Amino acid sequence: MEPITTGMQGAAVEDVQSRLLQLGYTIDDTEVADKRFGTTTEQAVSTFRLDSGLAAGHAVDIPCWSAW
């Protein structure tokens, strides 16, 4: 699996955003509407990684995906 990272757009980002929103993380409405991995999605991923005991970072990689 390729990491899902800042600047990406599309269905994979939409899935990540949906999961983060369901877990209570905040993402800008425009980013969600555009299915765009922007700064607020990056912040939500970063916080989720720390909350889940993962290494710091902004990408949704295999360990991050597995922690959902």
C-alpha atoms as a PDB file:
ATOM      1  CA  MET A   1       0.000   0.000   0.000  1.00  0.00           C
ATOM      2  CA  GLU A   2       1.279   3.460  -0.933  1.00  0.00           C
ATOM      3  CA  PRO A   3       0.954   5.959   1.909  1.00  0.00           C
ATOM      4  CA  ILE A   4      -1.890   8.447   1.657  1.00  0.00           C
ATOM      5  CA  THR A   5      -0.323  11.860   2.144  1.00  0.00           C
ATOM      6  CA  THR A   6      -0.803  15.603   1.985  1.00  0.00           C
ATOM      7  CA  GLY A   7      -1.773  16.863  -1.446  1.00  0.00           C
ATOM      8  CA  MET A   8      -3.580  13.703  -2.519  1.00  0.00           C
ATOM      9  CA  GLN A   9      -7.216  13.770  -3.557  1.00  0.00           C
ATOM     10  CA  GLY A  10      -9.892  11.182  -4.256  1.00  0.00           C
ATOM     11  CA  ALA A  11     -11.617   8.108  -2.875  1.00  0.00           C
ATOM     12  CA  ALA A  12      -8.763   6.980  -0.608  1.00  0.00           C
ATOM     13  CA  VAL A  13      -8.652  10.413   1.032  1.00  0.00           C
ATOM     14  CA  GLU A  14     -12.433  10.372   1.392  1.00  0.00           C
ATOM     15  CA  ASP A  15     -12.172   7.033   3.225  1.00  0.00           C
ATOM     16  CA  VAL A  16      -9.479   8.362   5.569  1.00  0.00           C
ATOM     17  CA  GLN A  17     -11.493  11.501   6.295  1.00  0.00           C
ATOM     18  CA  SER A  18     -14.649   9.492   6.936  1.00  0.00           C
ATOM     19  CA  ARG A  19     -12.869   7.277   9.457  1.00  0.00           C
ATOM     20  CA  LEU A  20     -11.284  10.243  11.220  1.00  0.00           C
ATOM     21  CA  LEU A  21     -14.580  12.121  11.414  1.00  0.00           C
ATOM     22  CA  GLN A  22     -16.321   9.046  12.853  1.00  0.00           C
ATOM     23  CA  LEU A  23     -13.630   8.941  15.536  1.00  0.00           C
ATOM     24  CA  GLY A  24     -14.310  12.574  16.449  1.00  0.00           C
ATOM     25  CA  TYR A  25     -11.402  14.324  14.738  1.00  0.00           C
ATOM     26  CA  THR A  26     -12.036  17.681  13.057  1.00  0.00           C
ATOM     27  CA  ILE A  27     -11.456  18.272   9.348  1.00  0.00           C
ATOM     28  CA  ASP A  28     -12.304  21.399   7.369  1.00  0.00           C
ATOM     29  CA  ASP A  29     -15.584  21.053   5.451  1.00  0.00           C
ATOM     30  CA  THR A  30     -13.972  22.255   2.209  1.00  0.00           C
ATOM     31  CA  GLU A  31     -11.298  19.552   2.396  1.00  0.00           C
ATOM     32  CA  VAL A  32     -13.983  16.932   2.981  1.00  0.00           C
ATOM     33  CA  ALA A  33     -16.130  18.207   0.108  1.00  0.00           C
ATOM     34  CA  ASP A  34     -13.091  18.211  -2.210  1.00  0.00           C
ATOM     35  CA  LYS A  35     -11.838  14.823  -0.893  1.00  0.00           C
ATOM     36  CA  ARG A  36      -8.504  16.614  -0.512  1.00  0.00           C
ATOM     37  CA  PHE A  37      -5.763  15.762   1.979  1.00  0.00           C
ATOM     38  CA  GLY A  38      -5.041  19.282   3.190  1.00  0.00           C
ATOM     39  CA  THR A  39      -3.715  20.818   6.378  1.00  0.00           C
ATOM     40  CA  THR A  40      -6.639  19.897   8.637  1.00  0.00           C
ATOM     41  CA  THR A  41      -6.665  16.297   7.411  1.00  0.00           C
ATOM     42  CA  GLU A  42      -2.919  16.212   8.013  1.00  0.00           C
ATOM     43  CA  GLN A  43      -3.426  17.493  11.564  1.00  0.00           C
ATOM     44  CA  ALA A  44      -6.159  14.919  12.230  1.00  0.00           C
ATOM     45  CA  VAL A  45      -3.940  12.090  10.954  1.00  0.00           C
ATOM     46  CA  SER A  46      -1.015  13.346  13.039  1.00  0.00           C
ATOM     47  CA  THR A  47      -3.150  13.485  16.186  1.00  0.00           C
ATOM     48  CA  PHE A  48      -4.679  10.065  15.472  1.00  0.00           C
ATOM     49  CA  ARG A  49      -1.184   8.587  15.075  1.00  0.00           C
ATOM     50  CA  LEU A  50      -0.077  10.003  18.438  1.00  0.00           C
ATOM     51  CA  ASP A  51      -3.345   8.976  20.146  1.00  0.00           C
ATOM     52  CA  SER A  52      -2.843   5.449  18.775  1.00  0.00           C
ATOM     53  CA  GLY A  53       0.760   5.145  19.983  1.00  0.00           C
ATOM     54  CA  LEU A  54       2.190   5.210  16.455  1.00  0.00           C
ATOM     55  CA  ALA A  55       5.315   7.014  15.313  1.00  0.00           C
ATOM     56  CA  ALA A  56       4.754  10.718  14.681  1.00  0.00           C
ATOM     57  CA  GLY A  57       3.920  11.608  11.120  1.00  0.00           C
ATOM     58  CA  HIS A  58       1.295  12.887   8.747  1.00  0.00           C
ATOM     59  CA  ALA A  59       0.903   9.938   6.358  1.00  0.00           C
ATOM     60  CA  VAL A  60      -1.616   7.133   6.456  1.00  0.00           C
ATOM     61  CA  ASP A  61       0.710   4.165   6.052  1.00  0.00           C
ATOM     62  CA  ILE A  62       0.187   0.484   6.859  1.00  0.00           C
ATOM     63  CA  PRO A  63       0.628   0.845  10.645  1.00  0.00           C
ATOM     64  CA  CYS A  64      -1.762   3.798  10.684  1.00  0.00           C
ATOM     65  CA  TRP A  65      -4.315   1.994   8.520  1.00  0.00           C
ATOM     66  CA  SER A  66      -4.115  -1.059  10.773  1.00  0.00           C
ATOM     67  CA  ALA A  67      -4.827   1.062  13.857  1.00  0.00           C
ATOM     68  CA  TRP A  68      -8.315   2.077  12.709  1.00  0.00           C
END
